Amino acid sequence: MTHSHPTQSVTLSITAPAEAVAQRIDKFLAEHLDDDGQSLSRSRIKALILDKRLLEDGRTLADPSSTVKPLCHYALELPPPVDATPKAENIPLDVLYEDAHIIVLNKPAGMVVHPAPGSLTGTLVNALIAHCGDSLTGIGGVMRPGIVHRLDKDTSGVMMAAKTDAAHHTLTSMFAAHDLDRRYHALVWGTGVDRDGMVDAPLGRSTHDRKKQAVNPRGRHAITHWRVMRTLPPFGSLVECTLETGRTHQIRVHMAHIGYPVIGDPLYGRAPRAGQMPDTRARTGLAQMRAFNRQALHAAHLGFEHPITGEALAFTAPMPPDMASLQSLMEDTVAMRAKGM
């Protein structure tokens, strides 16, 4: 196994033994290669192979499902690590409130909150570093905003961040104690008879898909309160969800669990079938609603005590245009069906 200078690309190489025949190449490399004593995950190796960074006897191999050829020489290039420090980016923000300690804003759908592999730029953190500038006094000694809660990339609405270590510490404790008022508006499939309810169901990582969460008896405690604000038969409802806990994808999983999946949700949503619609107008409307391309979920309200002054604060953000248009489409279709149009 050979290594180049650590500040440059690193090449890991191995000659496949005879007994490795018929193994998948990504599995074989994950079991036999390491980078300076650190093992490489199979998903990391798969991504590198898809990025055309694997050579098989000097020829590029870009299919991670290929089988190992015994006695072939494999060379896997690891690109130099990317600087993990988020960079300031001048991205417009819809700021609802800001002082020396905190900032509250209306996050648009489509914006990732924190840099991560695949989304290293264009995030809310990049924008906050540029917007706040020298008013960031440092979180844990690093000049960055303190993210105390997150919204999924395609969820819009009110969220806040700390600008100082003291504010960050207090807000983190407040979120851990669920000492905030967080209300979300969602357009969901389904028009059941109940007007409100509570979902008390623990959540954990799905055993079938690691990208998903699922109701799991061994998962973390999770409670969502919900109430129907408006029914739009035969399609769905506008609901308000209030979080008692804040788990990953909590509202999306809980609403799907009780039969009201969020419209447009790519992971947990399941739209009605055209055959379930009572007439042509409804089937046409359904086809338009199914085209909504993100989860129709919006953080509409956030109330809390200021972490430094103790002042009671509350902020709301109106439903974004795409969700408002979806609701209007549902309302208009219901109205036209009622008139027999």
C-alpha atoms as a PDB file:
ATOM      1  CA  MET A   1       0.000   0.000   0.000  1.00  0.00           C
ATOM      2  CA  THR A   2       1.487   3.367  -0.974  1.00  0.00           C
ATOM      3  CA  HIS A   3       0.762   6.910   0.189  1.00  0.00           C
ATOM      4  CA  SER A   4       1.598  10.271  -1.359  1.00  0.00           C
ATOM      5  CA  HIS A   5       2.117  13.503   0.619  1.00  0.00           C
ATOM      6  CA  PRO A   6      -0.836  13.990   3.052  1.00  0.00           C
ATOM      7  CA  THR A   7      -1.585  17.525   1.797  1.00  0.00           C
ATOM      8  CA  GLN A   8      -2.158  16.126  -1.691  1.00  0.00           C
ATOM      9  CA  SER A   9      -4.167  13.250  -3.077  1.00  0.00           C
ATOM     10  CA  VAL A  10      -3.513   9.904  -1.399  1.00  0.00           C
ATOM     11  CA  THR A  11      -3.379   6.715  -3.437  1.00  0.00           C
ATOM     12  CA  LEU A  12      -4.176   3.402  -1.756  1.00  0.00           C
ATOM     13  CA  SER A  13      -3.290   0.305  -3.718  1.00  0.00           C
ATOM     14  CA  ILE A  14      -3.663  -3.444  -3.379  1.00  0.00           C
ATOM     15  CA  THR A  15      -3.300  -6.558  -5.523  1.00  0.00           C
ATOM     16  CA  ALA A  16      -6.328  -8.804  -5.214  1.00  0.00           C
ATOM     17  CA  PRO A  17      -5.537 -12.309  -3.972  1.00  0.00           C
ATOM     18  CA  ALA A  18      -6.864 -15.361  -5.784  1.00  0.00           C
ATOM     19  CA  GLU A  19      -9.490 -16.040  -3.104  1.00  0.00           C
ATOM     20  CA  ALA A  20     -11.146 -12.641  -3.701  1.00  0.00           C
ATOM     21  CA  VAL A  21     -12.802 -13.859  -6.901  1.00  0.00           C
ATOM     22  CA  ALA A  22     -16.455 -12.837  -7.428  1.00  0.00           C
ATOM     23  CA  GLN A  23     -16.521 -10.324  -4.547  1.00  0.00           C
ATOM     24  CA  ARG A  24     -17.962  -6.874  -5.214  1.00  0.00           C
ATOM     25  CA  ILE A  25     -15.141  -4.388  -5.640  1.00  0.00           C
ATOM     26  CA  ASP A  26     -16.541  -1.797  -3.197  1.00  0.00           C
ATOM     27  CA  LYS A  27     -16.977  -4.449  -0.481  1.00  0.00           C
ATOM     28  CA  PHE A  28     -13.512  -5.892  -1.104  1.00  0.00           C
ATOM     29  CA  LEU A  29     -11.786  -2.512  -0.903  1.00  0.00           C
ATOM     30  CA  ALA A  30     -13.703  -1.517   2.236  1.00  0.00           C
ATOM     31  CA  GLU A  31     -12.466  -4.673   3.943  1.00  0.00           C
ATOM     32  CA  HIS A  32      -8.836  -4.392   2.823  1.00  0.00           C
ATOM     33  CA  LEU A  33      -7.919  -0.711   2.483  1.00  0.00           C
ATOM     34  CA  ASP A  34      -7.332   1.875   5.179  1.00  0.00           C
ATOM     35  CA  ASP A  35      -6.071   5.442   5.169  1.00  0.00           C
ATOM     36  CA  ASP A  36      -3.333   5.911   7.766  1.00  0.00           C
ATOM     37  CA  GLY A  37      -4.966   3.359  10.027  1.00  0.00           C
ATOM     38  CA  GLN A  38      -8.493   4.733   9.481  1.00  0.00           C
ATOM     39  CA  SER A  39     -10.905   2.386   7.759  1.00  0.00           C
ATOM     40  CA  LEU A  40     -12.879   3.617   4.765  1.00  0.00           C
ATOM     41  CA  SER A  41     -16.628   3.053   4.696  1.00  0.00           C
ATOM     42  CA  ARG A  42     -18.139   1.138   1.820  1.00  0.00           C
ATOM     43  CA  SER A  43     -20.319   4.166   0.956  1.00  0.00           C
ATOM     44  CA  ARG A  44     -17.211   6.382   0.827  1.00  0.00           C
ATOM     45  CA  ILE A  45     -15.455   3.919  -1.473  1.00  0.00           C
ATOM     46  CA  LYS A  46     -18.561   3.616  -3.653  1.00  0.00           C
ATOM     47  CA  ALA A  47     -18.644   7.409  -4.061  1.00  0.00           C
ATOM     48  CA  LEU A  48     -14.970   7.484  -5.005  1.00  0.00           C
ATOM     49  CA  ILE A  49     -15.467   4.739  -7.592  1.00  0.00           C
ATOM     50  CA  LEU A  50     -18.428   6.597  -9.103  1.00  0.00           C
ATOM     51  CA  ASP A  51     -16.171   9.665  -9.199  1.00  0.00           C
ATOM     52  CA  LYS A  52     -13.801   7.626 -11.393  1.00  0.00           C
ATOM     53  CA  ARG A  53     -11.003   7.501  -8.843  1.00  0.00           C
ATOM     54  CA  LEU A  54     -10.339   3.745  -9.053  1.00  0.00           C
ATOM     55  CA  LEU A  55      -7.907   2.116 -11.478  1.00  0.00           C
ATOM     56  CA  GLU A  56      -7.928  -1.594 -12.271  1.00  0.00           C
ATOM     57  CA  ASP A  57      -4.565  -2.519 -13.796  1.00  0.00           C
ATOM     58  CA  GLY A  58      -4.240   1.115 -14.930  1.00  0.00           C
ATOM     59  CA  ARG A  59      -7.728   1.407 -16.438  1.00  0.00           C
ATOM     60  CA  THR A  60     -10.530   3.437 -14.849  1.00  0.00           C
ATOM     61  CA  LEU A  61     -13.224   1.344 -13.190  1.00  0.00           C
ATOM     62  CA  ALA A  62     -16.372   3.358 -12.399  1.00  0.00           C
ATOM     63  CA  ASP A  63     -18.847   0.621 -11.425  1.00  0.00           C
ATOM     64  CA  PRO A  64     -18.835  -0.168  -7.670  1.00  0.00           C
ATOM     65  CA  SER A  65     -20.806  -3.367  -8.300  1.00  0.00           C
ATOM     66  CA  SER A  66     -18.078  -4.836 -10.510  1.00  0.00           C
ATOM     67  CA  THR A  67     -16.530  -8.057  -9.289  1.00  0.00           C
ATOM     68  CA  VAL A  68     -12.919  -8.370  -8.239  1.00  0.00           C
ATOM     69  CA  LYS A  69     -10.488  -9.879 -10.712  1.00  0.00           C
ATOM     70  CA  PRO A  70      -7.915 -11.987  -8.857  1.00  0.00           C
ATOM     71  CA  LEU A  71      -4.284 -10.828  -9.174  1.00  0.00           C
ATOM     72  CA  CYS A  72      -5.394  -7.470 -10.638  1.00  0.00           C
ATOM     73  CA  HIS A  73      -3.806  -4.351  -9.188  1.00  0.00           C
ATOM     74  CA  TYR A  74      -6.261  -1.775  -7.801  1.00  0.00           C
ATOM     75  CA  ALA A  75      -5.346   1.829  -7.063  1.00  0.00           C
ATOM     76  CA  LEU A  76      -7.865   4.102  -5.294  1.00  0.00           C
ATOM     77  CA  GLU A  77      -7.219   7.842  -5.231  1.00  0.00           C
ATOM     78  CA  LEU A  78      -8.383   9.813  -2.184  1.00  0.00           C
ATOM     79  CA  PRO A  79      -8.663  13.519  -3.028  1.00  0.00           C
ATOM     80  CA  PRO A  80      -7.156  15.995  -0.541  1.00  0.00           C
ATOM     81  CA  PRO A  81      -9.518  16.831   2.318  1.00  0.00           C
ATOM     82  CA  VAL A  82     -11.721  19.885   1.899  1.00  0.00           C
ATOM     83  CA  ASP A  83     -11.321  22.658   4.454  1.00  0.00           C
ATOM     84  CA  ALA A  84     -14.195  22.039   6.842  1.00  0.00           C
ATOM     85  CA  THR A  85     -14.428  25.672   7.963  1.00  0.00           C
ATOM     86  CA  PRO A  86     -17.552  27.157   6.356  1.00  0.00           C
ATOM     87  CA  LYS A  87     -16.789  30.182   4.203  1.00  0.00           C
ATOM     88  CA  ALA A  88     -18.764  33.425   4.264  1.00  0.00           C
ATOM     89  CA  GLU A  89     -21.128  33.736   1.310  1.00  0.00           C
ATOM     90  CA  ASN A  90     -23.203  36.801   0.510  1.00  0.00           C
ATOM     91  CA  ILE A  91     -26.610  35.106   0.337  1.00  0.00           C
ATOM     92  CA  PRO A  92     -29.726  37.223   1.010  1.00  0.00           C
ATOM     93  CA  LEU A  93     -31.544  36.402   4.251  1.00  0.00           C
ATOM     94  CA  ASP A  94     -35.079  37.211   5.417  1.00  0.00           C
ATOM     95  CA  VAL A  95     -34.203  38.393   8.942  1.00  0.00           C
ATOM     96  CA  LEU A  96     -37.122  38.660  11.374  1.00  0.00           C
ATOM     97  CA  TYR A  97     -35.102  39.769  14.426  1.00  0.00           C
ATOM     98  CA  GLU A  98     -31.477  40.300  15.344  1.00  0.00           C
ATOM     99  CA  ASP A  99     -29.538  41.629  18.305  1.00  0.00           C
ATOM    100  CA  ALA A 100     -26.078  41.078  19.773  1.00  0.00           C
ATOM    101  CA  HIS A 101     -27.010  37.586  20.989  1.00  0.00           C
ATOM    102  CA  ILE A 102     -29.387  35.894  18.536  1.00  0.00           C
ATOM    103  CA  ILE A 103     -30.749  36.083  15.017  1.00  0.00           C
ATOM    104  CA  VAL A 104     -34.189  34.867  13.906  1.00  0.00           C
ATOM    105  CA  LEU A 105     -34.972  34.390  10.222  1.00  0.00           C
ATOM    106  CA  ASN A 106     -37.379  32.919   7.725  1.00  0.00           C
ATOM    107  CA  LYS A 107     -35.493  30.111   5.965  1.00  0.00           C
ATOM    108  CA  PRO A 108     -36.532  29.454   2.372  1.00  0.00           C
ATOM    109  CA  ALA A 109     -37.253  25.950   1.124  1.00  0.00           C
ATOM    110  CA  GLY A 110     -34.286  24.472  -0.720  1.00  0.00           C
ATOM    111  CA  MET A 111     -31.612  25.860   1.622  1.00  0.00           C
ATOM    112  CA  VAL A 112     -29.495  23.411   3.625  1.00  0.00           C
ATOM    113  CA  VAL A 113     -28.836  24.636   7.170  1.00  0.00           C
ATOM    114  CA  HIS A 114     -25.297  23.365   7.759  1.00  0.00           C
ATOM    115  CA  PRO A 115     -22.485  22.404   5.355  1.00  0.00           C
ATOM    116  CA  ALA A 116     -22.197  18.662   4.802  1.00  0.00           C
ATOM    117  CA  PRO A 117     -20.814  16.377   2.094  1.00  0.00           C
ATOM    118  CA  GLY A 118     -22.676  17.244  -1.073  1.00  0.00           C
ATOM    119  CA  SER A 119     -23.736  20.655   0.285  1.00  0.00           C
ATOM    120  CA  LEU A 120     -20.550  22.451   1.292  1.00  0.00           C
ATOM    121  CA  THR A 121     -21.643  25.856   0.005  1.00  0.00           C
ATOM    122  CA  GLY A 122     -24.835  27.864  -0.283  1.00  0.00           C
ATOM    123  CA  THR A 123     -25.991  26.877   3.213  1.00  0.00           C
ATOM    124  CA  LEU A 124     -27.604  28.961   5.921  1.00  0.00           C
ATOM    125  CA  VAL A 125     -24.379  28.833   7.945  1.00  0.00           C
ATOM    126  CA  ASN A 126     -22.404  30.249   5.004  1.00  0.00           C
ATOM    127  CA  ALA A 127     -24.963  33.041   4.727  1.00  0.00           C
ATOM    128  CA  LEU A 128     -24.988  33.773   8.465  1.00  0.00           C
ATOM    129  CA  ILE A 129     -21.190  34.049   8.639  1.00  0.00           C
ATOM    130  CA  ALA A 130     -21.312  36.706   5.933  1.00  0.00           C
ATOM    131  CA  HIS A 131     -24.372  38.490   7.323  1.00  0.00           C
ATOM    132  CA  CYS A 132     -23.277  38.611  10.972  1.00  0.00           C
ATOM    133  CA  GLY A 133     -19.590  39.304  10.317  1.00  0.00           C
ATOM    134  CA  ASP A 134     -17.764  40.658  13.349  1.00  0.00           C
ATOM    135  CA  SER A 135     -20.897  40.464  15.510  1.00  0.00           C
ATOM    136  CA  LEU A 136     -20.188  36.728  15.888  1.00  0.00           C
ATOM    137  CA  THR A 137     -18.173  36.535  19.104  1.00  0.00           C
ATOM    138  CA  GLY A 138     -17.517  32.836  18.736  1.00  0.00           C
ATOM    139  CA  ILE A 139     -19.098  29.502  19.602  1.00  0.00           C
ATOM    140  CA  GLY A 140     -16.604  27.273  21.379  1.00  0.00           C
ATOM    141  CA  GLY A 141     -13.789  29.581  20.285  1.00  0.00           C
ATOM    142  CA  VAL A 142     -14.760  29.451  16.612  1.00  0.00           C
ATOM    143  CA  MET A 143     -16.304  32.425  14.835  1.00  0.00           C
ATOM    144  CA  ARG A 144     -19.446  30.732  13.577  1.00  0.00           C
ATOM    145  CA  PRO A 145     -23.189  30.867  14.307  1.00  0.00           C
ATOM    146  CA  GLY A 146     -24.536  28.466  16.909  1.00  0.00           C
ATOM    147  CA  ILE A 147     -27.162  26.278  15.236  1.00  0.00           C
ATOM    148  CA  VAL A 148     -29.476  25.073  18.010  1.00  0.00           C
ATOM    149  CA  HIS A 149     -32.171  23.538  15.810  1.00  0.00           C
ATOM    150  CA  ARG A 150     -32.534  22.729  12.142  1.00  0.00           C
ATOM    151  CA  LEU A 151     -35.145  22.647   9.469  1.00  0.00           C
ATOM    152  CA  ASP A 152     -34.908  20.069   6.697  1.00  0.00           C
ATOM    153  CA  LYS A 153     -33.576  21.423   3.411  1.00  0.00           C
ATOM    154  CA  ASP A 154     -37.034  21.554   1.829  1.00  0.00           C
ATOM    155  CA  THR A 155     -38.881  22.803   4.913  1.00  0.00           C
ATOM    156  CA  SER A 156     -39.351  26.574   5.079  1.00  0.00           C
ATOM    157  CA  GLY A 157     -40.003  28.901   7.970  1.00  0.00           C
ATOM    158  CA  VAL A 158     -38.871  30.413  11.258  1.00  0.00           C
ATOM    159  CA  MET A 159     -35.620  29.318  12.839  1.00  0.00           C
ATOM    160  CA  MET A 160     -32.995  30.969  14.986  1.00  0.00           C
ATOM    161  CA  ALA A 161     -29.276  30.811  15.705  1.00  0.00           C
ATOM    162  CA  ALA A 162     -27.023  32.040  18.497  1.00  0.00           C
ATOM    163  CA  LYS A 163     -24.317  34.647  17.945  1.00  0.00           C
ATOM    164  CA  THR A 164     -22.539  34.208  21.283  1.00  0.00           C
ATOM    165  CA  ASP A 165     -21.371  31.271  23.387  1.00  0.00           C
ATOM    166  CA  ALA A 166     -23.626  32.288  26.294  1.00  0.00           C
ATOM    167  CA  ALA A 167     -26.730  32.477  24.098  1.00  0.00           C
ATOM    168  CA  HIS A 168     -25.835  29.179  22.439  1.00  0.00           C
ATOM    169  CA  HIS A 169     -25.495  27.405  25.789  1.00  0.00           C
ATOM    170  CA  THR A 170     -28.848  28.695  27.088  1.00  0.00           C
ATOM    171  CA  LEU A 171     -30.734  28.000  23.863  1.00  0.00           C
ATOM    172  CA  THR A 172     -29.328  24.470  23.686  1.00  0.00           C
ATOM    173  CA  SER A 173     -30.667  23.848  27.215  1.00  0.00           C
ATOM    174  CA  MET A 174     -34.046  25.330  26.267  1.00  0.00           C
ATOM    175  CA  PHE A 175     -34.360  23.032  23.266  1.00  0.00           C
ATOM    176  CA  ALA A 176     -33.304  20.030  25.342  1.00  0.00           C
ATOM    177  CA  ALA A 177     -36.038  20.904  27.855  1.00  0.00           C
ATOM    178  CA  HIS A 178     -38.558  21.529  25.018  1.00  0.00           C
ATOM    179  CA  ASP A 179     -39.121  24.983  26.531  1.00  0.00           C
ATOM    180  CA  LEU A 180     -40.256  26.647  23.296  1.00  0.00           C
ATOM    181  CA  ASP A 181     -43.434  27.044  21.283  1.00  0.00           C
ATOM    182  CA  ARG A 182     -42.883  25.563  17.798  1.00  0.00           C
ATOM    183  CA  ARG A 183     -45.814  25.330  15.390  1.00  0.00           C
ATOM    184  CA  TYR A 184     -45.715  24.056  11.827  1.00  0.00           C
ATOM    185  CA  HIS A 185     -48.302  24.221   9.072  1.00  0.00           C
ATOM    186  CA  ALA A 186     -48.557  21.273   6.700  1.00  0.00           C
ATOM    187  CA  LEU A 187     -50.715  20.322   3.757  1.00  0.00           C
ATOM    188  CA  VAL A 188     -51.354  16.603   4.096  1.00  0.00           C
ATOM    189  CA  TRP A 189     -53.165  13.885   2.190  1.00  0.00           C
ATOM    190  CA  GLY A 190     -56.305  12.661   3.950  1.00  0.00           C
ATOM    191  CA  THR A 191     -59.535  14.107   5.351  1.00  0.00           C
ATOM    192  CA  GLY A 192     -60.338  12.000   8.428  1.00  0.00           C
ATOM    193  CA  VAL A 193     -63.035  12.803  10.973  1.00  0.00           C
ATOM    194  CA  ASP A 194     -60.763  13.727  13.897  1.00  0.00           C
ATOM    195  CA  ARG A 195     -60.154  17.437  14.385  1.00  0.00           C
ATOM    196  CA  ASP A 196     -57.071  17.110  16.576  1.00  0.00           C
ATOM    197  CA  GLY A 197     -54.897  14.566  18.270  1.00  0.00           C
ATOM    198  CA  MET A 198     -51.507  13.594  19.593  1.00  0.00           C
ATOM    199  CA  VAL A 199     -48.942  11.177  18.226  1.00  0.00           C
ATOM    200  CA  ASP A 200     -46.793   9.628  20.946  1.00  0.00           C
ATOM    201  CA  ALA A 201     -44.509   7.272  19.038  1.00  0.00           C
ATOM    202  CA  PRO A 202     -40.724   6.816  19.478  1.00  0.00           C
ATOM    203  CA  LEU A 203     -38.571   7.445  16.428  1.00  0.00           C
ATOM    204  CA  GLY A 204     -35.337   5.846  15.249  1.00  0.00           C
ATOM    205  CA  ARG A 205     -33.450   5.131  12.065  1.00  0.00           C
ATOM    206  CA  SER A 206     -35.314   2.863   9.664  1.00  0.00           C
ATOM    207  CA  THR A 207     -33.915  -0.649   9.428  1.00  0.00           C
ATOM    208  CA  HIS A 208     -34.843  -0.727   5.730  1.00  0.00           C
ATOM    209  CA  ASP A 209     -33.469   2.640   4.552  1.00  0.00           C
ATOM    210  CA  ARG A 210     -30.773   4.559   6.438  1.00  0.00           C
ATOM    211  CA  LYS A 211     -31.987   7.851   4.931  1.00  0.00           C
ATOM    212  CA  LYS A 212     -35.333   7.449   6.681  1.00  0.00           C
ATOM    213  CA  GLN A 213     -36.633   7.593  10.225  1.00  0.00           C
ATOM    214  CA  ALA A 214     -39.349   5.250  11.417  1.00  0.00           C
ATOM    215  CA  VAL A 215     -41.568   4.555  14.400  1.00  0.00           C
ATOM    216  CA  ASN A 216     -39.482   2.176  16.469  1.00  0.00           C
ATOM    217  CA  PRO A 217     -40.209   0.930  20.023  1.00  0.00           C
ATOM    218  CA  ARG A 218     -36.478   1.233  20.766  1.00  0.00           C
ATOM    219  CA  GLY A 219     -36.269   4.742  19.298  1.00  0.00           C
ATOM    220  CA  ARG A 220     -36.183   8.129  21.015  1.00  0.00           C
ATOM    221  CA  HIS A 221     -39.240   9.581  22.748  1.00  0.00           C
ATOM    222  CA  ALA A 222     -41.226  11.775  20.313  1.00  0.00           C
ATOM    223  CA  ILE A 223     -44.563  13.590  20.666  1.00  0.00           C
ATOM    224  CA  THR A 224     -46.401  15.674  18.059  1.00  0.00           C
ATOM    225  CA  HIS A 225     -49.712  17.467  18.692  1.00  0.00           C
ATOM    226  CA  TRP A 226     -51.834  18.225  15.647  1.00  0.00           C
ATOM    227  CA  ARG A 227     -55.096  19.918  14.772  1.00  0.00           C
ATOM    228  CA  VAL A 228     -56.966  20.267  11.499  1.00  0.00           C
ATOM    229  CA  MET A 229     -57.226  23.891  10.407  1.00  0.00           C
ATOM    230  CA  ARG A 230     -59.164  23.169   7.225  1.00  0.00           C
ATOM    231  CA  THR A 231     -60.331  20.094   5.323  1.00  0.00           C
ATOM    232  CA  LEU A 232     -60.255  20.076   1.522  1.00  0.00           C
ATOM    233  CA  PRO A 233     -62.069  16.901   0.463  1.00  0.00           C
ATOM    234  CA  PRO A 234     -61.469  14.612  -1.278  1.00  0.00           C
ATOM    235  CA  PHE A 235     -57.770  15.521  -1.299  1.00  0.00           C
ATOM    236  CA  GLY A 236     -56.377  16.503   2.052  1.00  0.00           C
ATOM    237  CA  SER A 237     -56.193  18.922   4.939  1.00  0.00           C
ATOM    238  CA  LEU A 238     -54.296  21.909   6.264  1.00  0.00           C
ATOM    239  CA  VAL A 239     -53.005  20.948   9.704  1.00  0.00           C
ATOM    240  CA  GLU A 240     -51.046  22.676  12.441  1.00  0.00           C
ATOM    241  CA  CYS A 241     -48.469  20.546  14.230  1.00  0.00           C
ATOM    242  CA  THR A 242     -46.955  21.552  17.561  1.00  0.00           C
ATOM    243  CA  LEU A 243     -43.736  19.852  18.586  1.00  0.00           C
ATOM    244  CA  GLU A 244     -43.272  18.625  22.124  1.00  0.00           C
ATOM    245  CA  THR A 245     -39.978  17.028  21.087  1.00  0.00           C
ATOM    246  CA  GLY A 246     -37.759  17.725  18.097  1.00  0.00           C
ATOM    247  CA  ARG A 247     -36.560  14.547  16.397  1.00  0.00           C
ATOM    248  CA  THR A 248     -35.284  14.210  12.840  1.00  0.00           C
ATOM    249  CA  HIS A 249     -38.213  14.246  10.353  1.00  0.00           C
ATOM    250  CA  GLN A 250     -40.592  14.034  13.333  1.00  0.00           C
ATOM    251  CA  ILE A 251     -43.673  15.670  11.818  1.00  0.00           C
ATOM    252  CA  ARG A 252     -43.196  13.939   8.480  1.00  0.00           C
ATOM    253  CA  VAL A 253     -42.918  10.481  10.060  1.00  0.00           C
ATOM    254  CA  HIS A 254     -45.642  10.980  12.658  1.00  0.00           C
ATOM    255  CA  MET A 255     -48.195  12.329  10.183  1.00  0.00           C
ATOM    256  CA  ALA A 256     -47.506   9.478   7.760  1.00  0.00           C
ATOM    257  CA  HIS A 257     -47.781   7.046  10.686  1.00  0.00           C
ATOM    258  CA  ILE A 258     -51.376   8.132  11.418  1.00  0.00           C
ATOM    259  CA  GLY A 259     -52.379   8.189   7.754  1.00  0.00           C
ATOM    260  CA  TYR A 260     -51.886  11.874   6.915  1.00  0.00           C
ATOM    261  CA  PRO A 261     -48.590  11.971   4.950  1.00  0.00           C
ATOM    262  CA  VAL A 262     -47.307  15.417   4.016  1.00  0.00           C
ATOM    263  CA  ILE A 263     -48.016  16.278   0.379  1.00  0.00           C
ATOM    264  CA  GLY A 264     -44.880  16.199  -1.768  1.00  0.00           C
ATOM    265  CA  ASP A 265     -42.772  14.358   0.812  1.00  0.00           C
ATOM    266  CA  PRO A 266     -40.282  12.256  -1.201  1.00  0.00           C
ATOM    267  CA  LEU A 267     -39.491   9.923   1.698  1.00  0.00           C
ATOM    268  CA  TYR A 268     -42.728   9.417   3.600  1.00  0.00           C
ATOM    269  CA  GLY A 269     -45.482  10.777   1.353  1.00  0.00           C
ATOM    270  CA  ARG A 270     -47.906   8.496  -0.414  1.00  0.00           C
ATOM    271  CA  ALA A 271     -50.450  10.274  -2.594  1.00  0.00           C
ATOM    272  CA  PRO A 272     -53.930   8.892  -3.326  1.00  0.00           C
ATOM    273  CA  ARG A 273     -54.385   7.045  -6.610  1.00  0.00           C
ATOM    274  CA  ALA A 274     -56.421   8.547  -9.422  1.00  0.00           C
ATOM    275  CA  GLY A 275     -58.855   5.653  -9.098  1.00  0.00           C
ATOM    276  CA  GLN A 276     -59.681   6.782  -5.568  1.00  0.00           C
ATOM    277  CA  MET A 277     -60.967  10.120  -6.827  1.00  0.00           C
ATOM    278  CA  PRO A 278     -64.751  10.440  -7.317  1.00  0.00           C
ATOM    279  CA  ASP A 279     -64.785  12.332 -10.628  1.00  0.00           C
ATOM    280  CA  THR A 280     -62.743  13.705 -13.538  1.00  0.00           C
ATOM    281  CA  ARG A 281     -62.318  17.141 -11.924  1.00  0.00           C
ATOM    282  CA  ALA A 282     -60.886  15.542  -8.798  1.00  0.00           C
ATOM    283  CA  ARG A 283     -58.554  13.328 -10.821  1.00  0.00           C
ATOM    284  CA  THR A 284     -57.271  16.357 -12.754  1.00  0.00           C
ATOM    285  CA  GLY A 285     -56.700  18.302  -9.540  1.00  0.00           C
ATOM    286  CA  LEU A 286     -54.952  15.324  -7.969  1.00  0.00           C
ATOM    287  CA  ALA A 287     -52.497  15.120 -10.877  1.00  0.00           C
ATOM    288  CA  GLN A 288     -51.569  18.788 -10.355  1.00  0.00           C
ATOM    289  CA  MET A 289     -51.169  18.337  -6.589  1.00  0.00           C
ATOM    290  CA  ARG A 290     -48.960  15.293  -7.029  1.00  0.00           C
ATOM    291  CA  ALA A 291     -46.546  17.489  -9.025  1.00  0.00           C
ATOM    292  CA  PHE A 292     -45.665  19.518  -5.898  1.00  0.00           C
ATOM    293  CA  ASN A 293     -41.946  18.807  -5.585  1.00  0.00           C
ATOM    294  CA  ARG A 294     -41.118  19.242  -1.900  1.00  0.00           C
ATOM    295  CA  GLN A 295     -42.726  18.396   1.413  1.00  0.00           C
ATOM    296  CA  ALA A 296     -45.486  20.952   2.011  1.00  0.00           C
ATOM    297  CA  LEU A 297     -44.248  21.766   5.510  1.00  0.00           C
ATOM    298  CA  HIS A 298     -43.613  25.237   6.934  1.00  0.00           C
ATOM    299  CA  ALA A 299     -42.341  26.361  10.352  1.00  0.00           C
ATOM    300  CA  ALA A 300     -44.977  29.024  10.906  1.00  0.00           C
ATOM    301  CA  HIS A 301     -44.345  30.107  14.522  1.00  0.00           C
ATOM    302  CA  LEU A 302     -41.516  30.130  17.059  1.00  0.00           C
ATOM    303  CA  GLY A 303     -41.962  31.469  20.583  1.00  0.00           C
ATOM    304  CA  PHE A 304     -39.333  31.501  23.335  1.00  0.00           C
ATOM    305  CA  GLU A 305     -37.713  33.509  26.104  1.00  0.00           C
ATOM    306  CA  HIS A 306     -34.672  35.515  25.059  1.00  0.00           C
ATOM    307  CA  PRO A 307     -31.655  33.503  26.266  1.00  0.00           C
ATOM    308  CA  ILE A 308     -29.984  36.555  27.838  1.00  0.00           C
ATOM    309  CA  THR A 309     -32.684  39.089  28.722  1.00  0.00           C
ATOM    310  CA  GLY A 310     -35.529  36.652  29.442  1.00  0.00           C
ATOM    311  CA  GLU A 311     -37.905  38.704  27.305  1.00  0.00           C
ATOM    312  CA  ALA A 312     -40.807  36.745  25.796  1.00  0.00           C
ATOM    313  CA  LEU A 313     -40.417  36.688  22.015  1.00  0.00           C
ATOM    314  CA  ALA A 314     -42.625  35.218  19.289  1.00  0.00           C
ATOM    315  CA  PHE A 315     -42.178  35.205  15.521  1.00  0.00           C
ATOM    316  CA  THR A 316     -44.319  34.071  12.629  1.00  0.00           C
ATOM    317  CA  ALA A 317     -43.631  33.601   8.938  1.00  0.00           C
ATOM    318  CA  PRO A 318     -46.362  33.531   6.285  1.00  0.00           C
ATOM    319  CA  MET A 319     -46.844  30.436   4.162  1.00  0.00           C
ATOM    320  CA  PRO A 320     -44.382  30.624   1.230  1.00  0.00           C
ATOM    321  CA  PRO A 321     -45.771  31.222  -2.285  1.00  0.00           C
ATOM    322  CA  ASP A 322     -45.435  27.634  -3.506  1.00  0.00           C
ATOM    323  CA  MET A 323     -47.367  26.208  -0.558  1.00  0.00           C
ATOM    324  CA  ALA A 324     -49.941  29.002  -0.775  1.00  0.00           C
ATOM    325  CA  SER A 325     -50.435  28.172  -4.459  1.00  0.00           C
ATOM    326  CA  LEU A 326     -50.868  24.498  -3.612  1.00  0.00           C
ATOM    327  CA  GLN A 327     -53.501  25.339  -1.007  1.00  0.00           C
ATOM    328  CA  SER A 328     -55.270  27.626  -3.492  1.00  0.00           C
ATOM    329  CA  LEU A 329     -55.257  24.851  -6.083  1.00  0.00           C
ATOM    330  CA  MET A 330     -56.868  22.497  -3.584  1.00  0.00           C
ATOM    331  CA  GLU A 331     -59.450  25.107  -2.535  1.00  0.00           C
ATOM    332  CA  ASP A 332     -60.292  26.062  -6.124  1.00  0.00           C
ATOM    333  CA  THR A 333     -60.716  22.429  -7.150  1.00  0.00           C
ATOM    334  CA  VAL A 334     -62.993  21.763  -4.175  1.00  0.00           C
ATOM    335  CA  ALA A 335     -65.058  24.875  -5.020  1.00  0.00           C
ATOM    336  CA  MET A 336     -65.425  23.927  -8.695  1.00  0.00           C
ATOM    337  CA  ARG A 337     -66.506  20.405  -7.788  1.00  0.00           C
ATOM    338  CA  ALA A 338     -69.099  21.836  -5.391  1.00  0.00           C
ATOM    339  CA  LYS A 339     -70.505  23.946  -8.250  1.00  0.00           C
ATOM    340  CA  GLY A 340     -70.550  20.948 -10.561  1.00  0.00           C
ATOM    341  CA  MET A 341     -67.989  22.479 -12.923  1.00  0.00           C
END
